Amino acid sequence: MSARRALTSGVVLADRYELQDQVSERLGSVTWRALDLLLNRNVGIELIPSADPRAPHFLEAARLSTTVTDGRFLRVLDLLENVHGHHAVVREWAKAFGLNQVLEHSPVTSRRAAHIVAEVAEALAHAHAHGIYHRRLTPHHVLVKQSGAVRVVGLGLASALDQPDHAESEADLRAYEETDVRGLGYLLYASLTGRWPGAEVDHLPSAPHEHGHTLRPRQVRAGVARDVDAVCARILPELAAPHAGSRLTSAEEISRALRLIGNEPTDTGPPTVVSAKTPRESPDLLRTDPVVEPAGPVPGLTATRRPKAHEPPPPTRRERAQAIAVDATRDDRRFVIAGVLGALSLLLIIGGLAVQGDGVNVIPFTGGGVRTLPIEAVDDFDPQGDASENPDDAALTIDGDADTGWKTTTYFNQPELGGLKDGVGVVVDLGDVRTVHQVRLVFAGDPTVVELYGAPGRTDPPAQVSGLTKLGRVTAFTRSADVTLAKPVETRFVVVWLTSLPEVAGGRFQGEVREIVVRGKA
């Protein structure tokens, strides 16, 4: 019998595997990255003391897991018995990050979350068909490769590290499958929100609760697609969503439901194709040359060129005029006064805004026939989200009460809607084509950046901002603003599009439009 010896970097097991770095330690087992000296490649080795009563079952479970040939499971390459006082399972090594590392930085998009969990569900469905279960599915058991491929680790070993002398019955197997199904639901929830249902797992905070129920992903994080949220609710009954649809009770059903999810407009960047044609293998999964460990940010967080939608807006005419005035009057007090007065005059002429004593931005206009136009309806407008942003409150923008209004969802960390989308707003239906001259907006907070769009020639409400005619843009530093159009526009629909929201609490941003008045000619 080989005496148990300390495991350190540089130790060679079975004259072949040189230990390099310890990766993790759990439930009495320890995992190392090692170098296969024979084939000159990295491998993963999980070890358990030979004296541990679970050790024989540990090797047997690894041996049984080889019957599952799905490529998304890291394959068992070798079994070592009683080397340096340990039993060991040698697996292939993947250049990848644990999903827990990704989620510690931020949740992933709805489409990406659906793809990752669908991959894991398909792999588990194949394992279940062979009577093998994972039972401890958490984010650190899911690996995400730079290529986008997904790998699963730990298949079958959870059973080996728990109750070694327990004889498994049919009821146990059904319970194991239910545990894996619930684990898939938890993975989907965590991928969408960055939180784990139940107690904290893998450094992810626990999911919030309300009235004894776990909040659904869409209630925790803005921008979660409605169809992905519904699949999550169909897996996890504690989300209390009776209208989400029939329960999903197997890994195969979960995979099928996630694969059927269509494209959603909330995601940005190149789409992840979720179909049967998605590549299952990555060329760097098995290599015969030494593999360099990945470094730097986790996948999806590598610094890239910032999207134009997230770039700061170009300077306005007012800002340019102020900059010119400052440059022109530097070091000369008289010219400073003249420059400021000139800038204010320029703003009155070309800026379309003037500040009155009551703090309301108003530019009075003249012209026969201009009056307040009747508004037939106001609906929420969320083309880059889930097409629903507090729709029941949209009508409060035309109820004549400045104390009530339509609010956006609360966004976090940055005023530009948390970086989730370009904007959100409401669409005003005038009932027929009108000649619009001016729009008055009353807000609940400041500053609010708002853009106005018209839809000339359209008889049905717009579904996207693209294709609309931009009427104006204003940064409202007061609670109300009047936007006078440089040129009147004939349109039935006017879109009020909020692109930057006021801060309502530390790191929390929310916009509110309390009143909308449209003036023009019938």
Protein backbone atom coordinates (compact mmCIF):
# COMPACT_ATOMS: atom_id res chain seq x y z
CA MET A 1 0.00 0.00 0.00
CA SER A 2 1.37 3.41 -0.93
CA ALA A 3 1.75 5.79 2.01
CA ARG A 4 -0.21 9.02 1.78
CA ARG A 5 2.11 11.89 0.86
CA ALA A 6 1.53 15.62 0.68
CA LEU A 7 0.46 16.91 -2.72
CA THR A 8 2.44 19.92 -3.92
CA SER A 9 3.35 21.48 -7.24
CA GLY A 10 5.97 19.39 -9.01
CA VAL A 11 4.85 16.03 -7.63
CA VAL A 12 4.58 13.43 -10.43
CA LEU A 13 1.80 10.85 -10.19
CA ALA A 14 2.21 7.43 -11.84
CA ASP A 15 5.45 8.68 -13.50
CA ARG A 16 3.30 10.66 -15.90
CA TYR A 17 1.21 13.49 -14.42
CA GLU A 18 3.10 16.44 -12.93
CA LEU A 19 0.94 18.57 -10.60
CA GLN A 20 0.98 22.26 -11.52
CA ASP A 21 -1.73 24.30 -9.78
CA GLN A 22 -4.40 23.44 -7.23
CA VAL A 23 -7.75 24.50 -8.65
CA SER A 24 -10.28 23.71 -5.91
CA GLU A 25 -11.00 21.66 -2.81
CA ARG A 26 -14.42 20.39 -1.75
CA LEU A 27 -16.05 17.53 0.14
CA GLY A 28 -12.66 16.00 0.96
CA SER A 29 -11.45 15.91 -2.64
CA VAL A 30 -8.93 18.23 -4.27
CA THR A 31 -8.60 19.16 -7.96
CA TRP A 32 -5.31 20.02 -9.67
CA ARG A 33 -4.23 21.13 -13.09
CA ALA A 34 -1.40 18.82 -14.16
CA LEU A 35 0.87 18.30 -17.16
CA ASP A 36 0.70 14.95 -18.96
CA LEU A 37 4.42 14.36 -19.49
CA LEU A 38 3.78 11.62 -22.05
CA LEU A 39 1.48 13.56 -24.37
CA ASN A 40 2.64 17.07 -23.36
CA ARG A 41 -0.83 18.41 -22.63
CA ASN A 42 -2.72 19.80 -19.64
CA VAL A 43 -5.15 17.56 -17.75
CA GLY A 44 -7.35 17.95 -14.70
CA ILE A 45 -6.90 15.53 -11.79
CA GLU A 46 -9.36 15.11 -8.93
CA LEU A 47 -7.96 13.19 -5.96
CA ILE A 48 -9.35 11.68 -2.74
CA PRO A 49 -7.35 9.94 0.02
CA SER A 50 -7.22 6.18 -0.53
CA ALA A 51 -8.16 5.64 3.14
CA ASP A 52 -11.43 7.54 2.65
CA PRO A 53 -14.31 5.00 2.65
CA ARG A 54 -15.71 6.76 -0.41
CA ALA A 55 -12.56 6.22 -2.48
CA PRO A 56 -13.59 2.93 -4.24
CA HIS A 57 -17.01 4.32 -5.05
CA PHE A 58 -15.31 7.50 -6.31
CA LEU A 59 -13.38 5.56 -8.97
CA GLU A 60 -16.39 3.42 -9.84
CA ALA A 61 -18.57 6.49 -10.41
CA ALA A 62 -15.92 7.96 -12.71
CA ARG A 63 -15.75 4.67 -14.59
CA LEU A 64 -19.55 4.63 -15.05
CA SER A 65 -19.55 8.23 -16.29
CA THR A 66 -17.53 7.14 -19.32
CA THR A 67 -20.70 5.50 -20.70
CA VAL A 68 -21.98 9.03 -21.40
CA THR A 69 -20.29 10.06 -24.63
CA ASP A 70 -21.72 13.57 -24.95
CA GLY A 71 -18.82 15.87 -25.87
CA ARG A 72 -19.97 18.59 -23.48
CA PHE A 73 -18.81 16.52 -20.51
CA LEU A 74 -15.06 16.56 -19.89
CA ARG A 75 -13.98 12.98 -20.66
CA VAL A 76 -12.29 10.69 -18.16
CA LEU A 77 -8.81 9.89 -19.53
CA ASP A 78 -7.33 7.74 -16.78
CA LEU A 79 -8.00 6.28 -13.33
CA LEU A 80 -5.23 6.04 -10.75
CA GLU A 81 -5.54 3.84 -7.70
CA ASN A 82 -3.52 4.38 -4.53
CA VAL A 83 -0.79 6.66 -5.88
CA HIS A 84 0.83 8.83 -3.21
CA GLY A 85 -1.93 7.58 -0.91
CA HIS A 86 -4.71 8.87 -3.17
CA HIS A 87 -7.22 7.61 -5.71
CA ALA A 88 -7.36 9.94 -8.72
CA VAL A 89 -9.56 10.63 -11.74
CA VAL A 90 -7.76 12.18 -14.71
CA ARG A 91 -9.93 14.28 -17.03
CA GLU A 92 -9.32 16.36 -20.11
CA TRP A 93 -8.55 20.02 -19.43
CA ALA A 94 -10.47 22.85 -21.05
CA LYS A 95 -9.24 26.41 -21.50
CA ALA A 96 -12.31 27.96 -19.95
CA PHE A 97 -13.73 30.04 -17.13
CA GLY A 98 -16.26 28.81 -14.63
CA LEU A 99 -19.71 30.32 -15.09
CA ASN A 100 -19.43 31.55 -11.50
CA GLN A 101 -16.48 33.75 -12.55
CA VAL A 102 -18.56 35.25 -15.35
CA LEU A 103 -21.57 35.92 -13.12
CA GLU A 104 -19.46 37.50 -10.38
CA HIS A 105 -18.82 40.35 -12.85
CA SER A 106 -22.34 40.63 -14.28
CA PRO A 107 -25.28 38.54 -15.52
CA VAL A 108 -25.30 37.49 -19.16
CA THR A 109 -27.84 38.45 -21.79
CA SER A 110 -31.10 36.52 -22.04
CA ARG A 111 -30.11 34.87 -25.33
CA ARG A 112 -26.72 33.86 -23.97
CA ALA A 113 -28.26 32.48 -20.77
CA ALA A 114 -30.74 30.42 -22.80
CA HIS A 115 -27.90 29.02 -24.92
CA ILE A 116 -25.70 28.09 -21.95
CA VAL A 117 -28.46 26.34 -20.01
CA ALA A 118 -29.81 24.63 -23.13
CA GLU A 119 -26.34 23.15 -23.73
CA VAL A 120 -26.13 21.90 -20.14
CA ALA A 121 -29.69 20.53 -20.30
CA GLU A 122 -29.00 18.60 -23.51
CA ALA A 123 -25.86 17.10 -21.99
CA LEU A 124 -27.72 16.09 -18.82
CA ALA A 125 -30.56 14.58 -20.86
CA HIS A 126 -28.02 12.22 -22.44
CA ALA A 127 -26.60 11.36 -19.01
CA HIS A 128 -30.06 10.71 -17.56
CA ALA A 129 -30.77 8.31 -20.40
CA HIS A 130 -27.83 6.24 -19.08
CA GLY A 131 -29.01 6.46 -15.48
CA ILE A 132 -26.26 8.89 -14.42
CA TYR A 133 -27.01 12.13 -12.57
CA HIS A 134 -25.01 15.16 -11.57
CA ARG A 135 -26.87 16.16 -8.36
CA ARG A 136 -24.69 19.18 -7.52
CA LEU A 137 -25.14 21.46 -10.52
CA THR A 138 -23.84 24.94 -9.63
CA PRO A 139 -22.17 27.67 -11.72
CA HIS A 140 -18.63 26.45 -11.01
CA HIS A 141 -19.54 23.08 -12.60
CA VAL A 142 -20.24 24.85 -15.92
CA LEU A 143 -17.28 26.03 -17.98
CA VAL A 144 -17.57 28.72 -20.65
CA LYS A 145 -14.85 28.72 -23.33
CA GLN A 146 -13.59 31.72 -25.24
CA SER A 147 -15.12 30.18 -28.37
CA GLY A 148 -18.56 30.17 -26.72
CA ALA A 149 -18.65 26.39 -26.20
CA VAL A 150 -20.00 25.04 -22.91
CA ARG A 151 -18.52 22.18 -20.85
CA VAL A 152 -19.85 20.42 -17.74
CA VAL A 153 -17.69 18.92 -15.00
CA GLY A 154 -18.39 16.69 -12.02
CA LEU A 155 -20.81 14.21 -13.62
CA GLY A 156 -21.50 11.30 -11.27
CA LEU A 157 -18.89 12.26 -8.70
CA ALA A 158 -21.35 14.04 -6.41
CA SER A 159 -23.00 10.70 -5.70
CA ALA A 160 -19.59 9.15 -5.06
CA LEU A 161 -18.70 11.78 -2.47
CA ASP A 162 -21.95 11.35 -0.55
CA GLN A 163 -23.35 8.28 1.24
CA PRO A 164 -20.89 5.66 -0.07
CA ASP A 165 -22.83 2.70 1.35
CA HIS A 166 -26.26 3.90 0.30
CA ALA A 167 -28.18 1.58 -2.06
CA GLU A 168 -30.01 3.67 -4.64
CA SER A 169 -33.68 2.89 -5.18
CA GLU A 170 -36.02 3.96 -7.98
CA ALA A 171 -37.30 6.73 -5.72
CA ASP A 172 -33.72 7.92 -5.25
CA LEU A 173 -33.16 8.05 -9.01
CA ARG A 174 -36.33 10.07 -9.51
CA ALA A 175 -35.20 12.45 -6.77
CA TYR A 176 -31.78 12.74 -8.44
CA GLU A 177 -33.41 13.73 -11.74
CA GLU A 178 -35.59 16.29 -9.98
CA THR A 179 -32.46 17.70 -8.33
CA ASP A 180 -30.79 18.10 -11.73
CA VAL A 181 -33.91 19.73 -13.20
CA ARG A 182 -34.05 22.20 -10.33
CA GLY A 183 -30.33 22.81 -10.77
CA LEU A 184 -30.95 23.78 -14.40
CA GLY A 185 -33.62 26.24 -13.28
CA TYR A 186 -31.24 27.71 -10.72
CA LEU A 187 -28.51 28.03 -13.37
CA LEU A 188 -30.89 29.88 -15.70
CA TYR A 189 -32.01 32.19 -12.89
CA ALA A 190 -28.43 32.95 -11.88
CA SER A 191 -27.35 33.57 -15.49
CA LEU A 192 -30.17 36.11 -15.93
CA THR A 193 -29.82 37.93 -12.59
CA GLY A 194 -26.43 37.16 -11.05
CA ARG A 195 -28.26 35.80 -7.99
CA TRP A 196 -28.84 32.25 -6.75
CA PRO A 197 -32.28 31.05 -5.57
CA GLY A 198 -31.89 29.99 -1.97
CA ALA A 199 -28.70 30.36 0.05
CA GLU A 200 -25.55 31.99 -1.36
CA VAL A 201 -23.67 29.71 -3.77
CA ASP A 202 -20.31 30.29 -5.50
CA HIS A 203 -20.17 33.83 -4.03
CA LEU A 204 -23.45 34.73 -5.75
CA PRO A 205 -25.90 36.53 -3.43
CA SER A 206 -29.24 34.89 -2.74
CA ALA A 207 -32.27 35.84 -4.82
CA PRO A 208 -34.68 38.40 -3.35
CA HIS A 209 -38.06 37.33 -1.95
CA GLU A 210 -41.41 39.02 -1.61
CA HIS A 211 -44.45 37.67 0.26
CA GLY A 212 -42.75 34.33 0.67
CA HIS A 213 -42.00 33.86 -3.05
CA THR A 214 -38.75 34.25 -4.95
CA LEU A 215 -38.96 37.18 -7.36
CA ARG A 216 -38.92 36.25 -11.04
CA PRO A 217 -35.86 37.25 -13.10
CA ARG A 218 -37.75 40.09 -14.82
CA GLN A 219 -38.58 41.52 -11.39
CA VAL A 220 -34.93 41.45 -10.35
CA ARG A 221 -33.19 42.75 -13.47
CA ALA A 222 -34.40 45.02 -16.25
CA GLY A 223 -34.13 43.78 -19.82
CA VAL A 224 -34.72 40.07 -19.17
CA ALA A 225 -36.65 38.62 -22.12
CA ARG A 226 -40.20 37.61 -21.29
CA ASP A 227 -39.97 34.18 -22.98
CA VAL A 228 -36.76 33.23 -21.12
CA ASP A 229 -38.32 34.43 -17.86
CA ALA A 230 -41.34 32.21 -18.57
CA VAL A 231 -39.15 29.13 -19.09
CA CYS A 232 -37.43 29.80 -15.76
CA ALA A 233 -40.82 30.04 -14.05
CA ARG A 234 -41.92 26.75 -15.64
CA ILE A 235 -38.90 25.02 -14.09
CA LEU A 236 -39.05 26.58 -10.62
CA PRO A 237 -42.49 26.46 -8.95
CA GLU A 238 -41.35 28.77 -6.14
CA LEU A 239 -41.44 31.70 -8.59
CA ALA A 240 -45.24 31.63 -8.28
CA ALA A 241 -46.10 32.21 -11.93
CA PRO A 242 -49.36 30.33 -12.54
CA HIS A 243 -49.75 31.67 -16.08
CA ALA A 244 -46.22 30.86 -17.28
CA GLY A 245 -47.27 27.51 -18.79
CA SER A 246 -47.00 23.82 -18.02
CA ARG A 247 -44.21 22.61 -15.74
CA LEU A 248 -40.93 21.42 -17.25
CA THR A 249 -39.94 18.25 -15.44
CA SER A 250 -37.01 16.84 -17.41
CA ALA A 251 -33.71 18.07 -18.84
CA GLU A 252 -34.92 17.19 -22.34
CA GLU A 253 -38.05 19.36 -21.95
CA ILE A 254 -35.97 22.27 -20.66
CA SER A 255 -33.55 22.01 -23.58
CA ARG A 256 -36.40 21.90 -26.09
CA ALA A 257 -38.13 24.92 -24.53
CA LEU A 258 -34.94 27.00 -24.57
CA ARG A 259 -34.10 26.02 -28.15
CA LEU A 260 -37.54 27.20 -29.29
CA ILE A 261 -37.00 30.69 -27.91
CA GLY A 262 -36.83 33.18 -30.75
CA ASN A 263 -34.50 36.12 -31.19
CA GLU A 264 -35.04 38.90 -28.70
CA PRO A 265 -34.22 42.56 -29.21
CA THR A 266 -32.72 43.20 -25.75
CA ASP A 267 -29.36 41.62 -26.49
CA THR A 268 -26.59 43.63 -28.05
CA GLY A 269 -23.59 42.42 -29.95
CA PRO A 270 -23.32 39.47 -32.30
CA PRO A 271 -26.10 36.92 -31.79
CA THR A 272 -25.50 33.48 -30.36
CA VAL A 273 -27.28 31.05 -32.68
CA VAL A 274 -29.30 28.62 -30.58
CA SER A 275 -30.16 25.75 -32.86
CA ALA A 276 -29.33 22.17 -33.58
CA LYS A 277 -26.52 23.40 -35.85
CA THR A 278 -24.65 25.12 -33.02
CA PRO A 279 -21.09 23.74 -32.98
CA ARG A 280 -20.63 21.26 -30.17
CA GLU A 281 -16.85 21.13 -30.18
CA SER A 282 -14.11 23.69 -29.94
CA PRO A 283 -10.78 23.14 -31.69
CA ASP A 284 -8.81 23.90 -28.52
CA LEU A 285 -10.57 21.36 -26.29
CA LEU A 286 -7.83 18.73 -26.62
CA ARG A 287 -4.34 19.85 -27.51
CA THR A 288 -1.06 18.04 -27.85
CA ASP A 289 1.03 21.13 -27.10
CA PRO A 290 1.27 22.83 -23.69
CA VAL A 291 -1.76 25.01 -23.04
CA VAL A 292 -1.26 28.49 -21.67
CA GLU A 293 -3.65 29.27 -18.84
CA PRO A 294 -6.25 31.92 -19.73
CA ALA A 295 -5.71 35.31 -18.15
CA GLY A 296 -7.47 38.63 -18.09
CA PRO A 297 -11.21 39.29 -17.98
CA VAL A 298 -13.68 36.43 -18.24
CA PRO A 299 -15.44 35.74 -21.58
CA GLY A 300 -17.82 38.49 -22.59
CA LEU A 301 -16.00 41.08 -20.47
CA THR A 302 -12.89 41.56 -22.62
CA ALA A 303 -12.43 45.23 -23.40
CA THR A 304 -13.60 46.06 -26.88
CA ARG A 305 -14.47 49.19 -28.76
CA ARG A 306 -17.39 50.82 -27.02
CA PRO A 307 -20.64 50.58 -29.02
CA LYS A 308 -21.83 53.86 -30.49
CA ALA A 309 -25.04 53.54 -28.49
CA HIS A 310 -22.96 53.88 -25.32
CA GLU A 311 -20.78 56.75 -26.52
CA PRO A 312 -21.53 60.17 -24.98
CA PRO A 313 -23.69 62.30 -27.28
CA PRO A 314 -21.96 64.94 -29.38
CA PRO A 315 -21.97 68.47 -27.93
CA THR A 316 -25.18 70.41 -28.43
CA ARG A 317 -25.35 73.80 -30.06
CA ARG A 318 -25.64 75.30 -26.61
CA GLU A 319 -22.50 73.53 -25.39
CA ARG A 320 -20.56 74.49 -28.51
CA ALA A 321 -21.62 78.11 -28.14
CA GLN A 322 -20.53 78.17 -24.51
CA ALA A 323 -17.15 76.65 -25.43
CA ILE A 324 -16.62 79.27 -28.13
CA ALA A 325 -17.56 82.03 -25.70
CA VAL A 326 -15.11 80.76 -23.06
CA ASP A 327 -12.24 80.54 -25.58
CA ALA A 328 -13.02 83.95 -27.01
CA THR A 329 -13.06 85.72 -23.64
CA ARG A 330 -10.11 84.11 -21.90
CA ASP A 331 -8.02 86.58 -19.87
CA ASP A 332 -10.25 89.54 -20.72
CA ARG A 333 -13.10 90.39 -18.32
CA ARG A 334 -14.87 92.70 -20.76
CA PHE A 335 -14.93 90.11 -23.47
CA VAL A 336 -16.14 87.52 -20.97
CA ILE A 337 -19.26 89.55 -20.28
CA ALA A 338 -19.80 90.21 -23.98
CA GLY A 339 -19.25 86.54 -24.84
CA VAL A 340 -21.77 85.34 -22.25
CA LEU A 341 -24.38 87.80 -23.49
CA GLY A 342 -23.66 86.77 -27.08
CA ALA A 343 -23.96 83.09 -26.20
CA LEU A 344 -27.32 83.67 -24.51
CA SER A 345 -28.55 85.59 -27.54
CA LEU A 346 -27.38 82.79 -29.81
CA LEU A 347 -29.23 80.26 -27.67
CA LEU A 348 -32.47 82.23 -27.95
CA ILE A 349 -32.16 82.24 -31.71
CA ILE A 350 -30.91 78.74 -32.58
CA GLY A 351 -31.23 76.69 -29.39
CA GLY A 352 -35.01 76.78 -29.13
CA LEU A 353 -34.92 77.18 -25.33
CA ALA A 354 -35.30 80.09 -22.90
CA VAL A 355 -35.43 79.92 -19.11
CA GLN A 356 -38.25 81.79 -17.33
CA GLY A 357 -38.41 82.68 -13.68
CA ASP A 358 -40.59 79.67 -12.80
CA GLY A 359 -37.94 77.24 -14.07
CA VAL A 360 -40.00 76.11 -17.07
CA ASN A 361 -38.31 76.08 -20.47
CA VAL A 362 -40.73 77.85 -22.80
CA ILE A 363 -40.41 79.34 -26.25
CA PRO A 364 -43.73 81.00 -27.12
CA PHE A 365 -44.72 80.68 -30.72
CA THR A 366 -47.13 82.64 -32.82
CA GLY A 367 -49.20 81.74 -35.79
CA GLY A 368 -52.85 81.48 -36.57
CA GLY A 369 -54.63 78.22 -35.87
CA VAL A 370 -52.02 76.76 -33.49
CA ARG A 371 -53.74 75.16 -30.51
CA THR A 372 -53.56 72.23 -28.10
CA LEU A 373 -54.24 69.04 -30.07
CA PRO A 374 -56.48 66.29 -28.70
CA ILE A 375 -54.66 63.04 -27.81
CA GLU A 376 -56.52 59.81 -28.43
CA ALA A 377 -54.18 57.43 -26.56
CA VAL A 378 -50.70 56.99 -25.09
CA ASP A 379 -48.94 53.62 -24.98
CA ASP A 380 -45.59 52.49 -23.60
CA PHE A 381 -42.79 52.09 -26.18
CA ASP A 382 -40.02 49.58 -25.41
CA PRO A 383 -38.75 48.18 -28.74
CA GLN A 384 -35.32 47.22 -27.39
CA GLY A 385 -36.62 45.51 -24.25
CA ASP A 386 -39.46 43.06 -23.76
CA ALA A 387 -42.03 45.40 -25.40
CA SER A 388 -43.57 46.21 -22.02
CA GLU A 389 -42.57 49.08 -19.70
CA ASN A 390 -45.35 49.83 -17.21
CA PRO A 391 -48.05 49.99 -19.92
CA ASP A 392 -50.90 50.51 -17.45
CA ASP A 393 -49.50 53.90 -16.40
CA ALA A 394 -48.98 55.40 -19.87
CA ALA A 395 -52.41 57.08 -19.86
CA LEU A 396 -51.44 59.06 -16.74
CA THR A 397 -49.36 61.34 -18.98
CA ILE A 398 -52.54 62.91 -20.37
CA ASP A 399 -54.82 62.91 -17.31
CA GLY A 400 -54.16 66.58 -16.52
CA ASP A 401 -52.71 65.72 -13.10
CA ALA A 402 -49.07 66.80 -12.72
CA ASP A 403 -48.72 64.59 -9.63
CA THR A 404 -49.21 61.34 -11.54
CA GLY A 405 -47.32 59.95 -14.52
CA TRP A 406 -45.68 57.06 -16.35
CA LYS A 407 -42.44 55.70 -14.90
CA THR A 408 -39.69 53.66 -16.48
CA THR A 409 -38.28 50.56 -14.85
CA THR A 410 -35.48 51.25 -12.37
CA TYR A 411 -32.05 50.90 -14.01
CA PHE A 412 -28.74 50.52 -12.22
CA ASN A 413 -25.20 51.94 -12.32
CA GLN A 414 -25.55 54.46 -15.16
CA PRO A 415 -28.22 56.93 -16.30
CA GLU A 416 -28.19 55.62 -19.88
CA LEU A 417 -30.70 52.90 -18.87
CA GLY A 418 -27.97 50.84 -17.22
CA GLY A 419 -26.33 50.30 -20.62
CA LEU A 420 -29.07 47.78 -21.46
CA LYS A 421 -30.68 49.70 -24.32
CA ASP A 422 -30.62 53.03 -26.14
CA GLY A 423 -33.88 54.32 -24.75
CA VAL A 424 -37.47 53.75 -23.69
CA GLY A 425 -40.58 55.90 -23.77
CA VAL A 426 -44.17 56.34 -24.85
CA VAL A 427 -45.92 56.80 -28.18
CA VAL A 428 -48.62 59.46 -28.43
CA ASP A 429 -51.54 58.79 -30.80
CA LEU A 430 -53.21 61.99 -32.03
CA GLY A 431 -56.02 60.00 -33.65
CA ASP A 432 -55.35 61.41 -37.11
CA VAL A 433 -52.59 63.17 -39.02
CA ARG A 434 -51.93 66.59 -37.46
CA THR A 435 -49.42 69.36 -38.05
CA VAL A 436 -47.28 69.34 -34.92
CA HIS A 437 -45.51 72.57 -33.91
CA GLN A 438 -44.59 72.07 -30.27
CA VAL A 439 -44.53 69.45 -27.49
CA ARG A 440 -44.58 70.25 -23.79
CA LEU A 441 -43.21 67.64 -21.38
CA VAL A 442 -43.46 67.62 -17.58
CA PHE A 443 -41.02 65.35 -15.70
CA ALA A 444 -40.67 64.20 -12.11
CA GLY A 445 -36.88 64.46 -11.89
CA ASP A 446 -33.86 65.99 -13.55
CA PRO A 447 -31.80 65.90 -15.60
CA THR A 448 -33.72 63.94 -18.20
CA VAL A 449 -32.50 63.60 -21.79
CA VAL A 450 -35.38 63.10 -24.20
CA GLU A 451 -35.67 62.81 -27.97
CA LEU A 452 -38.85 63.34 -29.97
CA TYR A 453 -39.72 61.39 -33.11
CA GLY A 454 -42.55 61.61 -35.63
CA ALA A 455 -43.92 58.98 -37.96
CA PRO A 456 -45.01 60.78 -41.14
CA GLY A 457 -47.03 58.59 -43.46
CA ARG A 458 -47.71 55.86 -40.86
CA THR A 459 -51.23 54.82 -39.95
CA ASP A 460 -50.22 52.21 -37.39
CA PRO A 461 -48.14 52.74 -34.22
CA PRO A 462 -44.36 52.42 -34.78
CA ALA A 463 -42.61 49.30 -33.51
CA GLN A 464 -39.00 50.56 -33.74
CA VAL A 465 -37.17 53.88 -33.53
CA SER A 466 -35.40 53.20 -36.82
CA GLY A 467 -37.32 54.66 -39.72
CA LEU A 468 -38.88 57.46 -37.65
CA THR A 469 -38.21 61.16 -38.20
CA LYS A 470 -36.27 62.85 -35.41
CA LEU A 471 -38.02 66.06 -34.36
CA GLY A 472 -35.70 67.28 -31.62
CA ARG A 473 -33.62 66.52 -28.55
CA VAL A 474 -33.46 68.31 -25.22
CA THR A 475 -31.69 67.88 -21.89
CA ALA A 476 -34.21 69.00 -19.29
CA PHE A 477 -32.55 70.40 -16.16
CA THR A 478 -35.93 71.54 -14.88
CA ARG A 479 -39.17 69.69 -14.28
CA SER A 480 -40.74 70.78 -17.59
CA ALA A 481 -39.65 71.69 -21.09
CA ASP A 482 -41.28 72.96 -24.26
CA VAL A 483 -39.74 71.73 -27.49
CA THR A 484 -40.60 73.88 -30.51
CA LEU A 485 -39.93 72.17 -33.83
CA ALA A 486 -37.74 74.02 -36.31
CA LYS A 487 -40.17 72.91 -38.99
CA PRO A 488 -43.74 71.70 -38.34
CA VAL A 489 -44.28 68.00 -39.10
CA GLU A 490 -47.43 66.25 -40.26
CA THR A 491 -47.78 63.05 -38.25
CA ARG A 492 -50.32 61.02 -36.32
CA PHE A 493 -47.81 59.55 -33.85
CA VAL A 494 -45.24 61.32 -31.67
CA VAL A 495 -42.67 59.20 -29.79
CA VAL A 496 -41.24 60.56 -26.53
CA TRP A 497 -37.92 58.67 -26.21
CA LEU A 498 -35.95 58.90 -22.94
CA THR A 499 -32.23 58.19 -23.39
CA SER A 500 -30.83 59.32 -20.02
CA LEU A 501 -32.64 59.16 -16.68
CA PRO A 502 -32.35 61.10 -13.40
CA GLU A 503 -30.89 59.41 -10.33
CA VAL A 504 -33.53 58.53 -7.74
CA ALA A 505 -31.17 56.85 -5.24
CA GLY A 506 -27.55 55.78 -5.05
CA GLY A 507 -26.78 54.08 -8.37
CA ARG A 508 -30.50 53.76 -9.24
CA PHE A 509 -31.99 55.65 -12.19
CA GLN A 510 -35.63 56.06 -13.19
CA GLY A 511 -37.44 58.45 -15.50
CA GLU A 512 -40.98 59.71 -15.10
CA VAL A 513 -43.13 61.64 -17.61
CA ARG A 514 -46.07 63.24 -15.84
CA GLU A 515 -47.74 65.27 -18.56
CA ILE A 516 -47.57 65.51 -22.37
CA VAL A 517 -49.18 68.36 -24.32
CA VAL A 518 -48.95 68.54 -28.12
CA ARG A 519 -49.69 71.83 -29.90
CA GLY A 520 -50.20 72.38 -33.59
CA LYS A 521 -52.86 72.56 -36.27
CA ALA A 522 -55.63 70.06 -36.87
